[in-house]
């Protein structure tokens, strides 16, 4: 069975480059369940298989939303860890200035 990849995912199908941990979260946030599996594949993350997740949803062992959000949280954590990403700076770096400077 073939299906078209949404155009906004075409750029995500390649390995994404992240500068900070918020980049990962912003990348994952708009994805639905199907888009998540397509976009995450090139990263080869050690996450539960799609078949396992689908089975949990089908049997009612876990709610669909819980599985989807759990996968995004796990993927974000693993990507942040793999790339050693830090949080985005909150504001400009300030330094203490004295009259002697």
PDB file of N, CA and C in Angstrom:
ATOM      1  N   UNK A   1       0.836  -1.172   0.000  1.00  0.00           N
ATOM      2  CA  UNK A   1       0.000   0.000   0.000  1.00  0.00           C
ATOM      3  C   UNK A   1       0.887   1.243   0.000  1.00  0.00           C
ATOM      4  N   UNK A   2       0.666   2.131  -0.944  1.00  0.00           N
ATOM      5  CA  UNK A   2       1.429   3.369  -1.034  1.00  0.00           C
ATOM      6  C   UNK A   2       0.548   4.538  -0.632  1.00  0.00           C
ATOM      7  N   UNK A   3       1.164   5.521  -0.018  1.00  0.00           N
ATOM      8  CA  UNK A   3       0.451   6.745   0.297  1.00  0.00           C
ATOM      9  C   UNK A   3       1.413   7.907   0.142  1.00  0.00           C
ATOM     10  N   UNK A   4       0.854   9.078  -0.057  1.00  0.00           N
ATOM     11  CA  UNK A   4       1.677  10.271  -0.268  1.00  0.00           C
ATOM     12  C   UNK A   4       2.125  10.842   1.076  1.00  0.00           C
ATOM     13  N   UNK A   5       3.362  11.260   1.123  1.00  0.00           N
ATOM     14  CA  UNK A   5       3.892  11.911   2.315  1.00  0.00           C
ATOM     15  C   UNK A   5       3.488  13.385   2.249  1.00  0.00           C
ATOM     16  N   UNK A   6       2.870  13.897   3.312  1.00  0.00           N
ATOM     17  CA  UNK A   6       2.492  15.324   3.308  1.00  0.00           C
ATOM     18  C   UNK A   6       3.705  16.204   3.044  1.00  0.00           C
ATOM     19  N   UNK A   7       3.493  17.272   2.305  1.00  0.00           N
ATOM     20  CA  UNK A   7       4.613  18.135   1.903  1.00  0.00           C
ATOM     21  C   UNK A   7       5.375  18.701   3.091  1.00  0.00           C
ATOM     22  N   UNK A   8       4.683  18.991   4.198  1.00  0.00           N
ATOM     23  CA  UNK A   8       5.407  19.535   5.340  1.00  0.00           C
ATOM     24  C   UNK A   8       6.304  18.495   5.990  1.00  0.00           C
ATOM     25  N   UNK A   9       6.086  17.207   5.660  1.00  0.00           N
ATOM     26  CA  UNK A   9       6.948  16.160   6.207  1.00  0.00           C
ATOM     27  C   UNK A   9       8.127  15.828   5.309  1.00  0.00           C
ATOM     28  N   UNK A  10       8.073  16.256   4.070  1.00  0.00           N
ATOM     29  CA  UNK A  10       9.166  15.921   3.160  1.00  0.00           C
ATOM     30  C   UNK A  10      10.508  16.398   3.698  1.00  0.00           C
ATOM     31  N   UNK A  11      10.535  17.605   4.242  1.00  0.00           N
ATOM     32  CA  UNK A  11      11.788  18.103   4.797  1.00  0.00           C
ATOM     33  C   UNK A  11      12.124  17.393   6.107  1.00  0.00           C
ATOM     34  N   UNK A  12      11.113  16.884   6.797  1.00  0.00           N
ATOM     35  CA  UNK A  12      11.353  16.199   8.056  1.00  0.00           C
ATOM     36  C   UNK A  12      11.801  14.758   7.856  1.00  0.00           C
ATOM     37  N   UNK A  13      11.625  14.214   6.674  1.00  0.00           N
ATOM     38  CA  UNK A  13      11.984  12.821   6.435  1.00  0.00           C
ATOM     39  C   UNK A  13      13.495  12.635   6.473  1.00  0.00           C
ATOM     40  N   UNK A  14      14.231  13.715   6.187  1.00  0.00           N
ATOM     41  CA  UNK A  14      15.681  13.629   6.311  1.00  0.00           C
ATOM     42  C   UNK A  14      16.046  13.858   7.769  1.00  0.00           C
ATOM     43  N   UNK A  15      17.292  13.639   8.099  1.00  0.00           N
ATOM     44  CA  UNK A  15      17.740  13.849   9.467  1.00  0.00           C
ATOM     45  C   UNK A  15      17.663  15.334   9.803  1.00  0.00           C
ATOM     46  N   UNK A  16      16.912  15.633  10.794  1.00  0.00           N
ATOM     47  CA  UNK A  16      16.736  17.012  11.243  1.00  0.00           C
ATOM     48  C   UNK A  16      17.946  17.421  12.081  1.00  0.00           C
ATOM     49  N   UNK A  17      18.348  18.682  11.974  1.00  0.00           N
ATOM     50  CA  UNK A  17      19.442  19.198  12.798  1.00  0.00           C
ATOM     51  C   UNK A  17      18.833  20.082  13.871  1.00  0.00           C
ATOM     52  N   UNK A  18      19.134  19.755  15.109  1.00  0.00           N
ATOM     53  CA  UNK A  18      18.580  20.483  16.238  1.00  0.00           C
ATOM     54  C   UNK A  18      19.674  21.289  16.915  1.00  0.00           C
ATOM     55  N   UNK A  19      19.346  22.537  17.259  1.00  0.00           N
ATOM     56  CA  UNK A  19      20.307  23.389  17.952  1.00  0.00           C
ATOM     57  C   UNK A  19      20.086  23.380  19.460  1.00  0.00           C
ATOM     58  N   UNK A  20      18.854  23.133  19.897  1.00  0.00           N
ATOM     59  CA  UNK A  20      18.559  23.087  21.323  1.00  0.00           C
ATOM     60  C   UNK A  20      17.353  22.183  21.557  1.00  0.00           C
ATOM     61  N   UNK A  21      17.057  21.930  22.827  1.00  0.00           N
ATOM     62  CA  UNK A  21      15.992  20.975  23.136  1.00  0.00           C
ATOM     63  C   UNK A  21      14.609  21.465  22.699  1.00  0.00           C
ATOM     64  N   UNK A  22      14.397  22.765  22.688  1.00  0.00           N
ATOM     65  CA  UNK A  22      13.108  23.292  22.241  1.00  0.00           C
ATOM     66  C   UNK A  22      12.887  23.023  20.754  1.00  0.00           C
ATOM     67  N   UNK A  23      13.956  22.973  19.972  1.00  0.00           N
ATOM     68  CA  UNK A  23      13.831  22.629  18.548  1.00  0.00           C
ATOM     69  C   UNK A  23      13.212  21.251  18.377  1.00  0.00           C
ATOM     70  N   UNK A  24      13.611  20.320  19.219  1.00  0.00           N
ATOM     71  CA  UNK A  24      13.072  18.956  19.160  1.00  0.00           C
ATOM     72  C   UNK A  24      11.582  18.974  19.482  1.00  0.00           C
ATOM     73  N   UNK A  25      11.224  19.650  20.562  1.00  0.00           N
ATOM     74  CA  UNK A  25       9.823  19.709  20.979  1.00  0.00           C
ATOM     75  C   UNK A  25       8.953  20.390  19.923  1.00  0.00           C
ATOM     76  N   UNK A  26       9.461  21.472  19.340  1.00  0.00           N
ATOM     77  CA  UNK A  26       8.706  22.183  18.301  1.00  0.00           C
ATOM     78  C   UNK A  26       8.568  21.346  17.033  1.00  0.00           C
ATOM     79  N   UNK A  27       9.550  20.516  16.753  1.00  0.00           N
ATOM     80  CA  UNK A  27       9.515  19.642  15.586  1.00  0.00           C
ATOM     81  C   UNK A  27       8.471  18.548  15.775  1.00  0.00           C
ATOM     82  N   UNK A  28       8.402  17.983  16.973  1.00  0.00           N
ATOM     83  CA  UNK A  28       7.475  16.882  17.236  1.00  0.00           C
ATOM     84  C   UNK A  28       6.033  17.335  17.477  1.00  0.00           C
ATOM     85  N   UNK A  29       5.851  18.501  18.051  1.00  0.00           N
ATOM     86  CA  UNK A  29       4.529  18.950  18.505  1.00  0.00           C
ATOM     87  C   UNK A  29       3.406  18.849  17.461  1.00  0.00           C
ATOM     88  N   UNK A  30       3.583  19.331  16.231  1.00  0.00           N
ATOM     89  CA  UNK A  30       2.445  19.322  15.305  1.00  0.00           C
ATOM     90  C   UNK A  30       2.169  17.960  14.650  1.00  0.00           C
ATOM     91  N   UNK A  31       2.995  16.966  14.904  1.00  0.00           N
ATOM     92  CA  UNK A  31       2.838  15.682  14.211  1.00  0.00           C
ATOM     93  C   UNK A  31       1.686  14.866  14.769  1.00  0.00           C
ATOM     94  N   UNK A  32       0.945  14.241  13.848  1.00  0.00           N
ATOM     95  CA  UNK A  32      -0.044  13.268  14.282  1.00  0.00           C
ATOM     96  C   UNK A  32       0.659  11.905  14.367  1.00  0.00           C
ATOM     97  N   UNK A  33      -0.078  10.879  14.690  1.00  0.00           N
ATOM     98  CA  UNK A  33       0.491   9.537  14.911  1.00  0.00           C
ATOM     99  C   UNK A  33       1.198   9.013  13.659  1.00  0.00           C
ATOM    100  N   UNK A  34       0.545   9.116  12.530  1.00  0.00           N
ATOM    101  CA  UNK A  34       1.122   8.630  11.267  1.00  0.00           C
ATOM    102  C   UNK A  34       2.385   9.409  10.890  1.00  0.00           C
ATOM    103  N   UNK A  35       2.319  10.718  10.993  1.00  0.00           N
ATOM    104  CA  UNK A  35       3.464  11.570  10.658  1.00  0.00           C
ATOM    105  C   UNK A  35       4.645  11.294  11.579  1.00  0.00           C
ATOM    106  N   UNK A  36       4.356  11.021  12.852  1.00  0.00           N
ATOM    107  CA  UNK A  36       5.417  10.722  13.814  1.00  0.00           C
ATOM    108  C   UNK A  36       6.254   9.533  13.341  1.00  0.00           C
ATOM    109  N   UNK A  37       5.592   8.453  12.958  1.00  0.00           N
ATOM    110  CA  UNK A  37       6.322   7.242  12.558  1.00  0.00           C
ATOM    111  C   UNK A  37       7.157   7.479  11.300  1.00  0.00           C
ATOM    112  N   UNK A  38       6.659   8.283  10.384  1.00  0.00           N
ATOM    113  CA  UNK A  38       7.420   8.591   9.161  1.00  0.00           C
ATOM    114  C   UNK A  38       8.637   9.446   9.488  1.00  0.00           C
ATOM    115  N   UNK A  39       8.420  10.489  10.279  1.00  0.00           N
ATOM    116  CA  UNK A  39       9.490  11.452  10.573  1.00  0.00           C
ATOM    117  C   UNK A  39      10.569  10.886  11.477  1.00  0.00           C
ATOM    118  N   UNK A  40      10.208  10.002  12.381  1.00  0.00           N
ATOM    119  CA  UNK A  40      11.159   9.508  13.373  1.00  0.00           C
ATOM    120  C   UNK A  40      12.025   8.356  12.831  1.00  0.00           C
ATOM    121  N   UNK A  41      11.580   7.721  11.761  1.00  0.00           N
ATOM    122  CA  UNK A  41      12.283   6.555  11.220  1.00  0.00           C
ATOM    123  C   UNK A  41      13.773   6.780  10.944  1.00  0.00           C
ATOM    124  N   UNK A  42      14.182   7.873  10.297  1.00  0.00           N
ATOM    125  CA  UNK A  42      15.609   8.047  10.015  1.00  0.00           C
ATOM    126  C   UNK A  42      16.488   8.182  11.264  1.00  0.00           C
ATOM    127  N   UNK A  43      15.879   8.466  12.406  1.00  0.00           N
ATOM    128  CA  UNK A  43      16.656   8.663  13.632  1.00  0.00           C
ATOM    129  C   UNK A  43      16.989   7.358  14.347  1.00  0.00           C
ATOM    130  N   UNK A  44      16.342   6.260  13.967  1.00  0.00           N
ATOM    131  CA  UNK A  44      16.625   4.927  14.534  1.00  0.00           C
ATOM    132  C   UNK A  44      16.658   4.942  16.060  1.00  0.00           C
ATOM    133  N   UNK A  45      15.622   5.459  16.664  1.00  0.00           N
ATOM    134  CA  UNK A  45      15.564   5.541  18.119  1.00  0.00           C
ATOM    135  C   UNK A  45      15.097   4.219  18.721  1.00  0.00           C
ATOM    136  N   UNK A  46      15.618   3.866  19.892  1.00  0.00           N
ATOM    137  CA  UNK A  46      15.169   2.635  20.567  1.00  0.00           C
ATOM    138  C   UNK A  46      13.842   2.867  21.298  1.00  0.00           C
ATOM    139  N   UNK A  47      12.772   2.962  20.536  1.00  0.00           N
ATOM    140  CA  UNK A  47      11.435   3.176  21.095  1.00  0.00           C
ATOM    141  C   UNK A  47      10.590   1.935  20.790  1.00  0.00           C
ATOM    142  N   UNK A  48       9.448   1.793  21.470  1.00  0.00           N
ATOM    143  CA  UNK A  48       8.582   0.644  21.163  1.00  0.00           C
ATOM    144  C   UNK A  48       8.225   0.619  19.675  1.00  0.00           C
ATOM    145  N   UNK A  49       8.015  -0.554  19.149  1.00  0.00           N
ATOM    146  CA  UNK A  49       7.684  -0.690  17.729  1.00  0.00           C
ATOM    147  C   UNK A  49       6.272  -0.181  17.465  1.00  0.00           C
ATOM    148  N   UNK A  50       6.038   0.157  16.232  1.00  0.00           N
ATOM    149  CA  UNK A  50       4.699   0.620  15.865  1.00  0.00           C
ATOM    150  C   UNK A  50       3.677  -0.491  16.080  1.00  0.00           C
ATOM    151  N   UNK A  51       4.056  -1.713  15.746  1.00  0.00           N
ATOM    152  CA  UNK A  51       3.135  -2.840  15.921  1.00  0.00           C
ATOM    153  C   UNK A  51       2.725  -2.980  17.387  1.00  0.00           C
ATOM    154  N   UNK A  52       3.671  -2.820  18.281  1.00  0.00           N
ATOM    155  CA  UNK A  52       3.393  -2.905  19.714  1.00  0.00           C
ATOM    156  C   UNK A  52       2.450  -1.785  20.146  1.00  0.00           C
ATOM    157  N   UNK A  53       2.716  -0.589  19.680  1.00  0.00           N
ATOM    158  CA  UNK A  53       1.859   0.555  20.027  1.00  0.00           C
ATOM    159  C   UNK A  53       0.458   0.383  19.462  1.00  0.00           C
ATOM    160  N   UNK A  54       0.381  -0.046  18.211  1.00  0.00           N
ATOM    161  CA  UNK A  54      -0.925  -0.270  17.585  1.00  0.00           C
ATOM    162  C   UNK A  54      -1.722  -1.323  18.346  1.00  0.00           C
ATOM    163  N   UNK A  55      -1.036  -2.360  18.808  1.00  0.00           N
ATOM    164  CA  UNK A  55      -1.698  -3.437  19.551  1.00  0.00           C
ATOM    165  C   UNK A  55      -2.245  -2.916  20.884  1.00  0.00           C
ATOM    166  N   UNK A  56      -1.453  -2.107  21.579  1.00  0.00           N
ATOM    167  CA  UNK A  56      -1.910  -1.539  22.858  1.00  0.00           C
ATOM    168  C   UNK A  56      -3.145  -0.678  22.661  1.00  0.00           C
ATOM    169  N   UNK A  57      -3.168   0.090  21.574  1.00  0.00           N
ATOM    170  CA  UNK A  57      -4.327   0.942  21.280  1.00  0.00           C
ATOM    171  C   UNK A  57      -5.534   0.074  20.925  1.00  0.00           C
ATOM    172  N   UNK A  58      -5.326  -0.931  20.075  1.00  0.00           N
ATOM    173  CA  UNK A  58      -6.424  -1.788  19.610  1.00  0.00           C
ATOM    174  C   UNK A  58      -7.049  -2.593  20.746  1.00  0.00           C
ATOM    175  N   UNK A  59      -6.238  -3.059  21.683  1.00  0.00           N
ATOM    176  CA  UNK A  59      -6.764  -3.864  22.789  1.00  0.00           C
ATOM    177  C   UNK A  59      -7.307  -3.019  23.926  1.00  0.00           C
ATOM    178  N   UNK A  60      -7.089  -1.721  23.852  1.00  0.00           N
ATOM    179  CA  UNK A  60      -7.566  -0.836  24.907  1.00  0.00           C
ATOM    180  C   UNK A  60      -6.642  -0.785  26.109  1.00  0.00           C
ATOM    181  N   UNK A  61      -5.463  -1.372  25.987  1.00  0.00           N
ATOM    182  CA  UNK A  61      -4.498  -1.351  27.091  1.00  0.00           C
ATOM    183  C   UNK A  61      -4.005   0.066  27.363  1.00  0.00           C
ATOM    184  N   UNK A  62      -4.025   0.905  26.329  1.00  0.00           N
ATOM    185  CA  UNK A  62      -3.602   2.300  26.467  1.00  0.00           C
ATOM    186  C   UNK A  62      -4.443   3.158  25.530  1.00  0.00           C
ATOM    187  N   UNK A  63      -4.707   4.362  25.960  1.00  0.00           N
ATOM    188  CA  UNK A  63      -5.474   5.295  25.132  1.00  0.00           C
ATOM    189  C   UNK A  63      -4.593   5.820  24.001  1.00  0.00           C
ATOM    190  N   UNK A  64      -5.206   6.080  22.862  1.00  0.00           N
ATOM    191  CA  UNK A  64      -4.477   6.562  21.690  1.00  0.00           C
ATOM    192  C   UNK A  64      -3.655   7.814  22.010  1.00  0.00           C
ATOM    193  N   UNK A  65      -4.299   8.784  22.667  1.00  0.00           N
ATOM    194  CA  UNK A  65      -3.613  10.043  22.981  1.00  0.00           C
ATOM    195  C   UNK A  65      -2.421   9.815  23.902  1.00  0.00           C
ATOM    196  N   UNK A  66      -2.570   8.879  24.859  1.00  0.00           N
ATOM    197  CA  UNK A  66      -1.473   8.577  25.783  1.00  0.00           C
ATOM    198  C   UNK A  66      -0.287   7.959  25.047  1.00  0.00           C
ATOM    199  N   UNK A  67      -0.571   7.058  24.121  1.00  0.00           N
ATOM    200  CA  UNK A  67       0.494   6.424  23.339  1.00  0.00           C
ATOM    201  C   UNK A  67       1.206   7.466  22.486  1.00  0.00           C
ATOM    202  N   UNK A  68       0.431   8.282  21.777  1.00  0.00           N
ATOM    203  CA  UNK A  68       1.022   9.299  20.904  1.00  0.00           C
ATOM    204  C   UNK A  68       1.893  10.279  21.694  1.00  0.00           C
ATOM    205  N   UNK A  69       1.356  10.810  22.771  1.00  0.00           N
ATOM    206  CA  UNK A  69       2.113  11.779  23.568  1.00  0.00           C
ATOM    207  C   UNK A  69       3.300  11.126  24.267  1.00  0.00           C
ATOM    208  N   UNK A  70       3.126   9.900  24.721  1.00  0.00           N
ATOM    209  CA  UNK A  70       4.243   9.176  25.346  1.00  0.00           C
ATOM    210  C   UNK A  70       5.386   8.941  24.377  1.00  0.00           C
ATOM    211  N   UNK A  71       5.048   8.587  23.149  1.00  0.00           N
ATOM    212  CA  UNK A  71       6.073   8.391  22.126  1.00  0.00           C
ATOM    213  C   UNK A  71       6.819   9.687  21.833  1.00  0.00           C
ATOM    214  N   UNK A  72       6.088  10.792  21.773  1.00  0.00           N
ATOM    215  CA  UNK A  72       6.732  12.084  21.515  1.00  0.00           C
ATOM    216  C   UNK A  72       7.659  12.469  22.662  1.00  0.00           C
ATOM    217  N   UNK A  73       7.222  12.245  23.897  1.00  0.00           N
ATOM    218  CA  UNK A  73       8.060  12.552  25.062  1.00  0.00           C
ATOM    219  C   UNK A  73       9.318  11.695  25.050  1.00  0.00           C
ATOM    220  N   UNK A  74       9.160  10.402  24.790  1.00  0.00           N
ATOM    221  CA  UNK A  74      10.307   9.495  24.748  1.00  0.00           C
ATOM    222  C   UNK A  74      11.266   9.868  23.620  1.00  0.00           C
ATOM    223  N   UNK A  75      10.731  10.139  22.443  1.00  0.00           N
ATOM    224  CA  UNK A  75      11.578  10.514  21.298  1.00  0.00           C
ATOM    225  C   UNK A  75      12.323  11.816  21.583  1.00  0.00           C
ATOM    226  N   UNK A  76      11.634  12.789  22.164  1.00  0.00           N
ATOM    227  CA  UNK A  76      12.282  14.067  22.492  1.00  0.00           C
ATOM    228  C   UNK A  76      13.418  13.847  23.483  1.00  0.00           C
ATOM    229  N   UNK A  77      13.176  13.042  24.493  1.00  0.00           N
ATOM    230  CA  UNK A  77      14.213  12.757  25.491  1.00  0.00           C
ATOM    231  C   UNK A  77      15.437  12.092  24.844  1.00  0.00           C
ATOM    232  N   UNK A  78      15.183  11.096  24.019  1.00  0.00           N
ATOM    233  CA  UNK A  78      16.293  10.367  23.381  1.00  0.00           C
ATOM    234  C   UNK A  78      17.077  11.254  22.412  1.00  0.00           C
ATOM    235  N   UNK A  79      16.383  12.101  21.671  1.00  0.00           N
ATOM    236  CA  UNK A  79      17.077  13.007  20.747  1.00  0.00           C
ATOM    237  C   UNK A  79      17.883  14.060  21.504  1.00  0.00           C
ATOM    238  N   UNK A  80      17.318  14.591  22.591  1.00  0.00           N
ATOM    239  CA  UNK A  80      18.068  15.563  23.401  1.00  0.00           C
ATOM    240  C   UNK A  80      19.324  14.924  23.980  1.00  0.00           C
ATOM    241  N   UNK A  81      19.180  13.699  24.450  1.00  0.00           N
ATOM    242  CA  UNK A  81      20.319  12.983  25.042  1.00  0.00           C
ATOM    243  C   UNK A  81      21.370  12.662  23.980  1.00  0.00           C
ATOM    244  N   UNK A  82      20.933  12.153  22.837  1.00  0.00           N
ATOM    245  CA  UNK A  82      21.855  11.772  21.762  1.00  0.00           C
ATOM    246  C   UNK A  82      22.681  12.956  21.277  1.00  0.00           C
ATOM    247  N   UNK A  83      22.027  14.098  21.102  1.00  0.00           N
ATOM    248  CA  UNK A  83      22.698  15.278  20.553  1.00  0.00           C
ATOM    249  C   UNK A  83      23.214  16.239  21.627  1.00  0.00           C
ATOM    250  N   UNK A  84      23.077  15.818  22.887  1.00  0.00           N
ATOM    251  CA  UNK A  84      23.540  16.640  24.025  1.00  0.00           C
ATOM    252  C   UNK A  84      23.004  18.074  23.937  1.00  0.00           C
ATOM    253  N   UNK A  85      21.705  18.171  23.755  1.00  0.00           N
ATOM    254  CA  UNK A  85      21.077  19.477  23.566  1.00  0.00           C
ATOM    255  C   UNK A  85      20.769  20.146  24.904  1.00  0.00           C
ATOM    256  N   UNK A  86      20.973  21.423  24.948  1.00  0.00           N
ATOM    257  CA  UNK A  86      20.669  22.242  26.116  1.00  0.00           C
ATOM    258  C   UNK A  86      19.400  23.037  25.834  1.00  0.00           C
ATOM    259  N   UNK A  87      18.857  23.639  26.875  1.00  0.00           N
ATOM    260  CA  UNK A  87      17.701  24.514  26.711  1.00  0.00           C
ATOM    261  C   UNK A  87      18.103  25.773  25.958  1.00  0.00           C
ATOM    262  N   UNK A  88      17.160  26.343  25.242  1.00  0.00           N
ATOM    263  CA  UNK A  88      17.373  27.601  24.532  1.00  0.00           C
ATOM    264  C   UNK A  88      17.585  28.711  25.564  1.00  0.00           C
ATOM    265  N   UNK A  89      18.566  29.585  25.339  1.00  0.00           N
ATOM    266  CA  UNK A  89      18.770  30.688  26.283  1.00  0.00           C
ATOM    267  C   UNK A  89      17.497  31.528  26.412  1.00  0.00           C
ATOM    268  N   UNK A  90      17.190  31.932  27.635  1.00  0.00           N
ATOM    269  CA  UNK A  90      15.970  32.685  27.897  1.00  0.00           C
ATOM    270  C   UNK A  90      16.077  34.113  27.392  1.00  0.00           C
ATOM    271  N   UNK A  91      17.197  34.718  27.567  1.00  0.00           N
ATOM    272  CA  UNK A  91      17.359  36.103  27.142  1.00  0.00           C
ATOM    273  C   UNK A  91      18.822  36.397  26.881  1.00  0.00           C
ATOM    274  N   UNK A  92      19.154  37.647  26.634  1.00  0.00           N
ATOM    275  CA  UNK A  92      20.554  37.978  26.360  1.00  0.00           C
ATOM    276  C   UNK A  92      21.404  37.770  27.609  1.00  0.00           C
ATOM    277  N   UNK A  93      22.613  37.351  27.391  1.00  0.00           N
ATOM    278  CA  UNK A  93      23.539  37.152  28.496  1.00  0.00           C
ATOM    279  C   UNK A  93      23.979  38.526  29.002  1.00  0.00           C
ATOM    280  N   UNK A  94      23.912  38.713  30.286  1.00  0.00           N
ATOM    281  CA  UNK A  94      24.282  39.987  30.891  1.00  0.00           C
ATOM    282  C   UNK A  94      25.555  39.806  31.698  1.00  0.00           C
ATOM    283  N   UNK A  95      26.305  40.859  31.785  1.00  0.00           N
ATOM    284  CA  UNK A  95      27.475  40.787  32.642  1.00  0.00           C
ATOM    285  C   UNK A  95      27.442  41.971  33.600  1.00  0.00           C
ATOM    286  N   UNK A  96      28.064  41.770  34.731  1.00  0.00           N
ATOM    287  CA  UNK A  96      28.096  42.827  35.743  1.00  0.00           C
ATOM    288  C   UNK A  96      29.121  43.862  35.313  1.00  0.00           C
ATOM    289  N   UNK A  97      28.693  45.104  35.335  1.00  0.00           N
ATOM    290  CA  UNK A  97      29.581  46.202  34.928  1.00  0.00           C
ATOM    291  C   UNK A  97      29.824  47.076  36.161  1.00  0.00           C
ATOM    292  N   UNK A  98      31.077  47.382  36.380  1.00  0.00           N
ATOM    293  CA  UNK A  98      31.390  48.263  37.491  1.00  0.00           C
ATOM    294  C   UNK A  98      32.002  49.538  36.946  1.00  0.00           C
ATOM    295  N   UNK A  99      32.188  50.498  37.797  1.00  0.00           N
ATOM    296  CA  UNK A  99      32.771  51.763  37.373  1.00  0.00           C
ATOM    297  C   UNK A  99      34.237  51.605  36.970  1.00  0.00           C
ATOM    298  N   UNK A 100      34.841  50.487  37.317  1.00  0.00           N
ATOM    299  CA  UNK A 100      36.265  50.259  36.986  1.00  0.00           C
ATOM    300  C   UNK A 100      36.451  49.782  35.545  1.00  0.00           C
ATOM    301  N   UNK A 101      35.381  49.373  34.868  1.00  0.00           N
ATOM    302  CA  UNK A 101      35.491  48.864  33.485  1.00  0.00           C
ATOM    303  C   UNK A 101      35.716  49.961  32.490  1.00  0.00           C
TER     304      UNK A 101
END
